[in-house]
Amino acid sequence: MKKRNTYEIVMIVDANLTDEESQVVLGKHKEIISNAGGEIKFESSWGRRKLGYEINKMKHGIYYLLWAEGNGDTIEEMERQFGYDDKVIKFFVVIVENLEKAYNAFEALKAEPKKTANLVSDKLGA
């Protein structure tokens, strides 16, 4: 049996989609993860945001953050399916050592984004 890891997955979908259409895309990819043996632990929608840089002539995207558990085959299948879906404009996957800690840190960031931004600025000396 392959080792199961926990993953943080950021999925950015086309901002031209309606809320309903973007939810269908999210549901499709959550189902792909489940069918490949993974399990979604937490999820969060960041909504429509400006991209850090233009992707395929798009300046905005709809961001979703998922925390999932699975093995390498699960993530491989998910990444393959992301590549086939032209509504997904970008995705990032990283292994997370402590799922609860990562989730709680994200919730703290959402609760006080200015405080977190100040901490980053202090660290960078900006």
C-alpha atoms as a PDB file:
ATOM      1  CA  MET A   1       0.000   0.000   0.000  1.00  0.00           C
ATOM      2  CA  LYS A   2       1.335   3.409  -0.950  1.00  0.00           C
ATOM      3  CA  LYS A   3       1.946   6.043   1.694  1.00  0.00           C
ATOM      4  CA  ARG A   4      -0.861   8.561   2.111  1.00  0.00           C
ATOM      5  CA  ASN A   5       0.129  12.204   2.393  1.00  0.00           C
ATOM      6  CA  THR A   6      -1.820  15.351   3.021  1.00  0.00           C
ATOM      7  CA  TYR A   7      -1.831  17.976   0.291  1.00  0.00           C
ATOM      8  CA  GLU A   8      -2.729  21.620  -0.047  1.00  0.00           C
ATOM      9  CA  ILE A   9      -4.214  22.244  -3.496  1.00  0.00           C
ATOM     10  CA  VAL A  10      -4.845  25.673  -4.983  1.00  0.00           C
ATOM     11  CA  MET A  11      -7.044  25.601  -8.069  1.00  0.00           C
ATOM     12  CA  ILE A  12      -7.674  28.727 -10.148  1.00  0.00           C
ATOM     13  CA  VAL A  13     -10.556  28.598 -12.601  1.00  0.00           C
ATOM     14  CA  ASP A  14     -11.598  30.975 -15.374  1.00  0.00           C
ATOM     15  CA  ALA A  15     -13.115  34.152 -13.879  1.00  0.00           C
ATOM     16  CA  ASN A  16     -15.553  34.387 -16.792  1.00  0.00           C
ATOM     17  CA  LEU A  17     -17.523  31.457 -15.354  1.00  0.00           C
ATOM     18  CA  THR A  18     -20.651  32.090 -13.330  1.00  0.00           C
ATOM     19  CA  ASP A  19     -20.664  31.052  -9.682  1.00  0.00           C
ATOM     20  CA  GLU A  20     -22.730  27.982 -10.592  1.00  0.00           C
ATOM     21  CA  GLU A  21     -20.359  26.980 -13.397  1.00  0.00           C
ATOM     22  CA  SER A  22     -17.312  27.382 -11.169  1.00  0.00           C
ATOM     23  CA  GLN A  23     -18.982  25.236  -8.492  1.00  0.00           C
ATOM     24  CA  VAL A  24     -19.563  22.524 -11.124  1.00  0.00           C
ATOM     25  CA  VAL A  25     -15.849  22.618 -12.019  1.00  0.00           C
ATOM     26  CA  LEU A  26     -14.910  22.406  -8.326  1.00  0.00           C
ATOM     27  CA  GLY A  27     -17.326  19.512  -7.751  1.00  0.00           C
ATOM     28  CA  LYS A  28     -15.968  17.643 -10.763  1.00  0.00           C
ATOM     29  CA  HIS A  29     -12.405  17.828  -9.469  1.00  0.00           C
ATOM     30  CA  LYS A  30     -13.395  16.932  -5.915  1.00  0.00           C
ATOM     31  CA  GLU A  31     -15.100  13.853  -7.356  1.00  0.00           C
ATOM     32  CA  ILE A  32     -11.958  12.983  -9.336  1.00  0.00           C
ATOM     33  CA  ILE A  33      -9.924  13.131  -6.121  1.00  0.00           C
ATOM     34  CA  SER A  34     -12.456  10.919  -4.305  1.00  0.00           C
ATOM     35  CA  ASN A  35     -12.666   8.404  -7.163  1.00  0.00           C
ATOM     36  CA  ALA A  36      -8.853   8.160  -7.224  1.00  0.00           C
ATOM     37  CA  GLY A  37      -8.813   7.156  -3.553  1.00  0.00           C
ATOM     38  CA  GLY A  38      -8.327  10.598  -2.023  1.00  0.00           C
ATOM     39  CA  GLU A  39     -10.346  12.354   0.617  1.00  0.00           C
ATOM     40  CA  ILE A  40     -11.098  16.082   0.856  1.00  0.00           C
ATOM     41  CA  LYS A  41     -10.526  17.178   4.448  1.00  0.00           C
ATOM     42  CA  PHE A  42     -11.217  20.932   4.203  1.00  0.00           C
ATOM     43  CA  GLU A  43     -12.034  23.398   1.460  1.00  0.00           C
ATOM     44  CA  SER A  44     -12.225  27.146   1.131  1.00  0.00           C
ATOM     45  CA  SER A  45     -13.270  29.498  -1.642  1.00  0.00           C
ATOM     46  CA  TRP A  46     -11.248  32.694  -2.064  1.00  0.00           C
ATOM     47  CA  GLY A  47     -13.559  34.007  -4.769  1.00  0.00           C
ATOM     48  CA  ARG A  48     -12.597  36.156  -7.764  1.00  0.00           C
ATOM     49  CA  ARG A  49      -9.167  37.746  -7.450  1.00  0.00           C
ATOM     50  CA  LYS A  50      -6.620  39.441  -9.614  1.00  0.00           C
ATOM     51  CA  LEU A  51      -3.909  37.065 -10.800  1.00  0.00           C
ATOM     52  CA  GLY A  52      -0.292  37.769  -9.909  1.00  0.00           C
ATOM     53  CA  TYR A  53       0.473  37.706 -13.632  1.00  0.00           C
ATOM     54  CA  GLU A  54      -1.550  37.271 -16.795  1.00  0.00           C
ATOM     55  CA  ILE A  55      -2.327  33.658 -17.773  1.00  0.00           C
ATOM     56  CA  ASN A  56      -3.711  32.960 -21.260  1.00  0.00           C
ATOM     57  CA  LYS A  57      -4.656  36.645 -21.587  1.00  0.00           C
ATOM     58  CA  MET A  58      -6.663  36.444 -18.335  1.00  0.00           C
ATOM     59  CA  LYS A  59      -6.095  38.901 -15.508  1.00  0.00           C
ATOM     60  CA  HIS A  60      -8.518  37.418 -12.950  1.00  0.00           C
ATOM     61  CA  GLY A  61      -9.402  33.964 -11.679  1.00  0.00           C
ATOM     62  CA  ILE A  62     -11.621  32.222  -9.151  1.00  0.00           C
ATOM     63  CA  TYR A  63      -9.489  30.671  -6.424  1.00  0.00           C
ATOM     64  CA  TYR A  64     -10.271  27.507  -4.470  1.00  0.00           C
ATOM     65  CA  LEU A  65      -8.148  25.972  -1.741  1.00  0.00           C
ATOM     66  CA  LEU A  66      -8.501  22.290  -0.898  1.00  0.00           C
ATOM     67  CA  TRP A  67      -6.751  20.186   1.687  1.00  0.00           C
ATOM     68  CA  ALA A  68      -6.837  16.529   0.741  1.00  0.00           C
ATOM     69  CA  GLU A  69      -5.376  13.214   1.794  1.00  0.00           C
ATOM     70  CA  GLY A  70      -4.223  10.653  -0.729  1.00  0.00           C
ATOM     71  CA  ASN A  71      -1.299   8.834  -2.265  1.00  0.00           C
ATOM     72  CA  GLY A  72       0.853   9.680  -5.268  1.00  0.00           C
ATOM     73  CA  ASP A  73      -1.568   7.988  -7.678  1.00  0.00           C
ATOM     74  CA  THR A  74      -4.406  10.196  -6.414  1.00  0.00           C
ATOM     75  CA  ILE A  75      -2.433  13.374  -7.035  1.00  0.00           C
ATOM     76  CA  GLU A  76      -1.125  12.134 -10.378  1.00  0.00           C
ATOM     77  CA  GLU A  77      -4.692  11.508 -11.602  1.00  0.00           C
ATOM     78  CA  MET A  78      -5.887  14.856 -10.250  1.00  0.00           C
ATOM     79  CA  GLU A  79      -3.058  16.745 -11.994  1.00  0.00           C
ATOM     80  CA  ARG A  80      -3.746  14.866 -15.224  1.00  0.00           C
ATOM     81  CA  GLN A  81      -7.417  15.831 -15.109  1.00  0.00           C
ATOM     82  CA  PHE A  82      -6.575  19.461 -14.320  1.00  0.00           C
ATOM     83  CA  GLY A  83      -4.523  19.487 -17.509  1.00  0.00           C
ATOM     84  CA  TYR A  84      -7.502  18.299 -19.563  1.00  0.00           C
ATOM     85  CA  ASP A  85      -9.879  20.916 -18.165  1.00  0.00           C
ATOM     86  CA  ASP A  86      -9.620  24.233 -20.039  1.00  0.00           C
ATOM     87  CA  LYS A  87     -11.647  25.927 -17.285  1.00  0.00           C
ATOM     88  CA  VAL A  88      -8.769  25.367 -14.823  1.00  0.00           C
ATOM     89  CA  ILE A  89      -6.187  27.990 -15.687  1.00  0.00           C
ATOM     90  CA  LYS A  90      -3.616  27.137 -12.986  1.00  0.00           C
ATOM     91  CA  PHE A  91      -3.130  24.798 -10.054  1.00  0.00           C
ATOM     92  CA  PHE A  92      -0.555  24.227  -7.333  1.00  0.00           C
ATOM     93  CA  VAL A  93      -0.085  21.157  -5.151  1.00  0.00           C
ATOM     94  CA  VAL A  94       2.185  20.932  -2.099  1.00  0.00           C
ATOM     95  CA  ILE A  95       2.604  18.300   0.596  1.00  0.00           C
ATOM     96  CA  VAL A  96       1.582  19.520   4.050  1.00  0.00           C
ATOM     97  CA  GLU A  97       3.178  17.970   7.128  1.00  0.00           C
ATOM     98  CA  ASN A  98       0.457  18.978   9.588  1.00  0.00           C
ATOM     99  CA  LEU A  99      -2.977  19.408   8.044  1.00  0.00           C
ATOM    100  CA  GLU A 100      -4.659  20.896  11.117  1.00  0.00           C
ATOM    101  CA  LYS A 101      -1.860  23.431  11.591  1.00  0.00           C
ATOM    102  CA  ALA A 102      -1.989  24.491   7.919  1.00  0.00           C
ATOM    103  CA  TYR A 103      -5.767  24.843   8.042  1.00  0.00           C
ATOM    104  CA  ASN A 104      -5.701  26.848  11.283  1.00  0.00           C
ATOM    105  CA  ALA A 105      -2.964  29.148   9.922  1.00  0.00           C
ATOM    106  CA  PHE A 106      -5.109  29.806   6.852  1.00  0.00           C
ATOM    107  CA  GLU A 107      -8.180  30.562   8.957  1.00  0.00           C
ATOM    108  CA  ALA A 108      -6.106  32.989  11.069  1.00  0.00           C
ATOM    109  CA  LEU A 109      -4.929  34.683   7.877  1.00  0.00           C
ATOM    110  CA  LYS A 110      -8.518  35.045   6.667  1.00  0.00           C
ATOM    111  CA  ALA A 111      -9.585  36.481  10.020  1.00  0.00           C
ATOM    112  CA  GLU A 112      -6.842  39.137  10.151  1.00  0.00           C
ATOM    113  CA  PRO A 113      -5.218  39.616   6.732  1.00  0.00           C
ATOM    114  CA  LYS A 114      -3.722  43.030   7.611  1.00  0.00           C
ATOM    115  CA  LYS A 115      -2.007  41.663  10.722  1.00  0.00           C
ATOM    116  CA  THR A 116      -0.456  38.851   8.685  1.00  0.00           C
ATOM    117  CA  ALA A 117       0.619  41.293   5.961  1.00  0.00           C
ATOM    118  CA  ASN A 118       2.295  43.447   8.616  1.00  0.00           C
ATOM    119  CA  LEU A 119       4.171  40.432   9.978  1.00  0.00           C
ATOM    120  CA  VAL A 120       5.456  39.595   6.502  1.00  0.00           C
ATOM    121  CA  SER A 121       6.497  43.218   5.938  1.00  0.00           C
ATOM    122  CA  ASP A 122       8.349  43.248   9.261  1.00  0.00           C
ATOM    123  CA  LYS A 123      10.224  40.075   8.354  1.00  0.00           C
ATOM    124  CA  LEU A 124      11.182  41.423   4.930  1.00  0.00           C
ATOM    125  CA  GLY A 125      12.108  44.830   6.303  1.00  0.00           C
ATOM    126  CA  ALA A 126       9.679  46.555   3.964  1.00  0.00           C
END
